[in-house]
C-alpha atoms as a PDB file:
ATOM      1  CA  MET A   1     -10.830  -5.675  24.139  1.00  0.00           C
ATOM      2  CA  GLY A   2     -11.024  -9.234  22.804  1.00  0.00           C
ATOM      3  CA  THR A   3     -13.969  -8.498  20.527  1.00  0.00           C
ATOM      4  CA  LEU A   4     -12.261  -5.379  19.157  1.00  0.00           C
ATOM      5  CA  LEU A   5      -9.185  -7.410  18.277  1.00  0.00           C
ATOM      6  CA  PHE A   6     -11.372 -10.078  16.683  1.00  0.00           C
ATOM      7  CA  ASN A   7     -13.238  -7.413  14.656  1.00  0.00           C
ATOM      8  CA  ILE A   8      -9.974  -5.889  13.457  1.00  0.00           C
ATOM      9  CA  LEU A   9      -8.646  -9.318  12.483  1.00  0.00           C
ATOM     10  CA  LEU A  10     -11.894 -10.110  10.677  1.00  0.00           C
ATOM     11  CA  ILE A  11     -11.723  -6.806   8.783  1.00  0.00           C
ATOM     12  CA  LEU A  12      -8.107  -7.463   7.775  1.00  0.00           C
ATOM     13  CA  VAL A  13      -8.931 -10.947   6.477  1.00  0.00           C
ATOM     14  CA  ALA A  14     -11.935  -9.585   4.564  1.00  0.00           C
ATOM     15  CA  LEU A  15      -9.821  -6.761   3.100  1.00  0.00           C
ATOM     16  CA  TYR A  16      -7.150  -9.194   1.988  1.00  0.00           C
ATOM     17  CA  GLY A  17      -9.725 -11.386   0.248  1.00  0.00           C
ATOM     18  CA  LEU A  18     -11.462  -8.396  -1.311  1.00  0.00           C
ATOM     19  CA  SER A  19      -8.190  -6.907  -2.548  1.00  0.00           C
ATOM     20  CA  PHE A  20      -7.157 -10.265  -4.033  1.00  0.00           C
ATOM     21  CA  LEU A  21     -10.425 -10.548  -5.969  1.00  0.00           C
ATOM     22  CA  LEU A  22     -10.379  -6.885  -6.961  1.00  0.00           C
ATOM     23  CA  GLU A  23      -6.819  -7.221  -8.224  1.00  0.00           C
ATOM     24  CA  LYS A  24      -7.800 -10.158 -10.438  1.00  0.00           C
ATOM     25  CA  VAL A  25     -10.794  -8.235 -11.844  1.00  0.00           C
ATOM     26  CA  ILE A  26      -8.801  -5.056 -12.528  1.00  0.00           C
ATOM     27  CA  TYR A  27      -5.976  -6.980 -14.210  1.00  0.00           C
ATOM     28  CA  LYS A  28      -8.531  -8.749 -16.405  1.00  0.00           C
ATOM     29  CA  LEU A  29     -10.421  -5.521 -17.267  1.00  0.00           C
ATOM     30  CA  LEU A  30      -7.229  -3.697 -18.237  1.00  0.00           C
ATOM     31  CA  GLY A  31      -5.823  -6.750 -20.020  1.00  0.00           C
ATOM     32  CA  VAL A  32      -2.627  -6.605 -18.001  1.00  0.00           C
ATOM     33  CA  GLU A  33      -0.303  -9.523 -17.401  1.00  0.00           C
ATOM     34  CA  LYS A  34       1.313  -9.278 -13.980  1.00  0.00           C
ATOM     35  CA  LYS A  35       5.087  -8.837 -14.115  1.00  0.00           C
ATOM     36  CA  GLU A  36       7.710  -7.988 -11.534  1.00  0.00           C
ATOM     37  CA  VAL A  37      10.108  -5.045 -11.703  1.00  0.00           C
ATOM     38  CA  SER A  38      12.695  -7.380 -10.183  1.00  0.00           C
ATOM     39  CA  GLU A  39      12.752  -9.238 -13.513  1.00  0.00           C
ATOM     40  CA  THR A  40      13.972  -6.118 -15.338  1.00  0.00           C
ATOM     41  CA  SER A  41      17.047  -3.901 -15.338  1.00  0.00           C
ATOM     42  CA  GLY A  42      15.431  -1.851 -12.558  1.00  0.00           C
ATOM     43  CA  LYS A  43      15.876  -4.616  -9.982  1.00  0.00           C
ATOM     44  CA  LYS A  44      18.596  -2.848  -7.947  1.00  0.00           C
ATOM     45  CA  ILE A  45      16.832   0.533  -7.967  1.00  0.00           C
ATOM     46  CA  ASP A  46      13.593  -1.137  -6.892  1.00  0.00           C
ATOM     47  CA  GLN A  47      15.282  -2.971  -4.027  1.00  0.00           C
ATOM     48  CA  TRP A  48      17.146   0.126  -2.835  1.00  0.00           C
ATOM     49  CA  GLY A  49      14.051   2.307  -3.068  1.00  0.00           C
ATOM     50  CA  ARG A  50      11.964  -0.126  -1.029  1.00  0.00           C
ATOM     51  CA  ARG A  51      14.722  -0.395   1.574  1.00  0.00           C
ATOM     52  CA  ILE A  52      15.022   3.379   1.885  1.00  0.00           C
ATOM     53  CA  ILE A  53      11.259   3.789   2.302  1.00  0.00           C
ATOM     54  CA  MET A  54      11.212   1.011   4.928  1.00  0.00           C
ATOM     55  CA  ILE A  55      14.159   2.482   6.846  1.00  0.00           C
ATOM     56  CA  LEU A  56      12.580   5.941   6.834  1.00  0.00           C
ATOM     57  CA  PHE A  57       9.317   4.654   8.206  1.00  0.00           C
ATOM     58  CA  LEU A  58      10.941   2.349  10.755  1.00  0.00           C
ATOM     59  CA  SER A  59      13.137   5.187  11.967  1.00  0.00           C
ATOM     60  CA  THR A  60      10.072   7.361  12.555  1.00  0.00           C
ATOM     61  CA  ILE A  61       8.353   4.822  14.816  1.00  0.00           C
ATOM     62  CA  PRO A  62       9.477   6.631  18.015  1.00  0.00           C
ATOM     63  CA  ILE A  63       7.895   9.835  16.707  1.00  0.00           C
ATOM     64  CA  TYR A  64       4.861   7.841  15.619  1.00  0.00           C
ATOM     65  CA  THR A  65       4.354   6.336  19.073  1.00  0.00           C
ATOM     66  CA  PHE A  66       4.821   9.698  20.801  1.00  0.00           C
ATOM     67  CA  TYR A  67       2.228  11.496  18.688  1.00  0.00           C
ATOM     68  CA  ALA A  68      -0.103   8.498  18.369  1.00  0.00           C
ATOM     69  CA  LEU A  69      -0.763   8.675  22.118  1.00  0.00           C
ATOM     70  CA  LYS A  70      -1.869  12.297  21.768  1.00  0.00           C
ATOM     71  CA  ASP A  71      -3.605  12.391  18.414  1.00  0.00           C
ATOM     72  CA  THR A  72      -5.317   9.460  16.696  1.00  0.00           C
ATOM     73  CA  THR A  73      -5.518  11.299  13.367  1.00  0.00           C
ATOM     74  CA  PHE A  74      -1.713  11.225  13.306  1.00  0.00           C
ATOM     75  CA  ILE A  75      -1.886   7.428  13.073  1.00  0.00           C
ATOM     76  CA  LYS A  76      -4.147   7.651  10.035  1.00  0.00           C
ATOM     77  CA  TRP A  77      -1.934  10.155   8.219  1.00  0.00           C
ATOM     78  CA  TYR A  78       1.227   8.230   9.090  1.00  0.00           C
ATOM     79  CA  TRP A  79      -0.111   5.127   7.325  1.00  0.00           C
ATOM     80  CA  ILE A  80      -1.535   7.131   4.423  1.00  0.00           C
ATOM     81  CA  LEU A  81       1.909   8.670   3.890  1.00  0.00           C
ATOM     82  CA  TYR A  82       3.578   5.257   4.085  1.00  0.00           C
ATOM     83  CA  LEU A  83       1.121   3.726   1.611  1.00  0.00           C
ATOM     84  CA  THR A  84       1.538   6.671  -0.751  1.00  0.00           C
ATOM     85  CA  ALA A  85       5.337   6.445  -0.630  1.00  0.00           C
ATOM     86  CA  LEU A  86       5.400   2.695  -1.143  1.00  0.00           C
ATOM     87  CA  LEU A  87       2.752   2.336  -3.854  1.00  0.00           C
ATOM     88  CA  GLY A  88       3.749   5.615  -5.495  1.00  0.00           C
ATOM     89  CA  PHE A  89       7.325   4.371  -5.801  1.00  0.00           C
ATOM     90  CA  GLN A  90       6.099   1.004  -7.068  1.00  0.00           C
ATOM     91  CA  SER A  91       3.925   2.603  -9.758  1.00  0.00           C
ATOM     92  CA  VAL A  92       6.792   4.825 -10.960  1.00  0.00           C
ATOM     93  CA  MET A  93       9.063   1.784 -11.165  1.00  0.00           C
ATOM     94  CA  GLU A  94       6.409  -0.175 -13.085  1.00  0.00           C
ATOM     95  CA  TRP A  95       5.826   2.741 -15.449  1.00  0.00           C
ATOM     96  CA  LYS A  96       9.548   3.136 -16.117  1.00  0.00           C
ATOM     97  CA  TYR A  97      10.692  -0.491 -16.320  1.00  0.00           C
ATOM     98  CA  LEU A  98       7.634  -2.426 -17.503  1.00  0.00           C
ATOM     99  CA  LYS A  99       7.276  -0.859 -20.922  1.00  0.00           C
ATOM    100  CA  ASN A 100       4.130  -1.583 -22.911  1.00  0.00           C
ATOM    101  CA  SER A 101       2.318  -2.530 -19.709  1.00  0.00           C
ATOM    102  CA  LYS A 102      -0.493  -0.820 -17.850  1.00  0.00           C
ATOM    103  CA  GLN A 103       0.411  -2.493 -14.572  1.00  0.00           C
ATOM    104  CA  TYR A 104       1.249   0.876 -13.027  1.00  0.00           C
ATOM    105  CA  LEU A 105      -2.433   1.821 -13.445  1.00  0.00           C
ATOM    106  CA  VAL A 106      -3.469  -1.123 -11.274  1.00  0.00           C
ATOM    107  CA  THR A 107      -1.026   0.037  -8.606  1.00  0.00           C
ATOM    108  CA  LEU A 108      -2.378   3.594  -8.795  1.00  0.00           C
ATOM    109  CA  ILE A 109      -5.958   2.308  -8.481  1.00  0.00           C
ATOM    110  CA  PHE A 110      -4.967   0.376  -5.357  1.00  0.00           C
ATOM    111  CA  LEU A 111      -3.184   3.457  -4.029  1.00  0.00           C
ATOM    112  CA  VAL A 112      -6.346   5.549  -4.353  1.00  0.00           C
ATOM    113  CA  LEU A 113      -8.517   2.794  -2.857  1.00  0.00           C
ATOM    114  CA  GLY A 114      -6.049   2.357   0.012  1.00  0.00           C
ATOM    115  CA  ILE A 115      -6.014   6.069   0.776  1.00  0.00           C
ATOM    116  CA  VAL A 116      -9.813   6.226   0.733  1.00  0.00           C
ATOM    117  CA  PHE A 117     -10.011   3.218   3.049  1.00  0.00           C
ATOM    118  CA  LEU A 118      -7.386   4.519   5.494  1.00  0.00           C
ATOM    119  CA  TYR A 119      -8.963   7.955   5.566  1.00  0.00           C
ATOM    120  CA  ASN A 120     -12.315   6.407   6.511  1.00  0.00           C
ATOM    121  CA  VAL A 121     -10.989   3.532   8.634  1.00  0.00           C
ATOM    122  CA  GLU A 122     -12.754   4.705  11.816  1.00  0.00           C
ATOM    123  CA  TYR A 123     -16.096   3.936  10.146  1.00  0.00           C
ATOM    124  CA  PHE A 124     -15.088   0.304   9.630  1.00  0.00           C
ATOM    125  CA  ILE A 125     -13.904  -0.395  13.171  1.00  0.00           C
END
């Protein structure tokens, strides 16, 4: 059990480092300057949207734990749905409130990469 936990931790650290580097490269390739939606008129909508998504997913944890004990693919799809909701919302907010910016494309690229990774996560562990 200890080595499994260590492997998972190692994978998470590697993923964080890889995503950080990949983000820098993608921003540079697209010529995008990173901005925050919270610095625009969409600040309140962004905050409320993130809160609603978080509350919905936190409120489904009892269902998650019930089905996760029976079906491991449920765990994968639960996190894919969460990632899609969160990054999908973020990309829509960036598209709407960060005019003349392609930052939403970076978010969509990370959404696709995240879905591909989560779908194939059992091959990494």
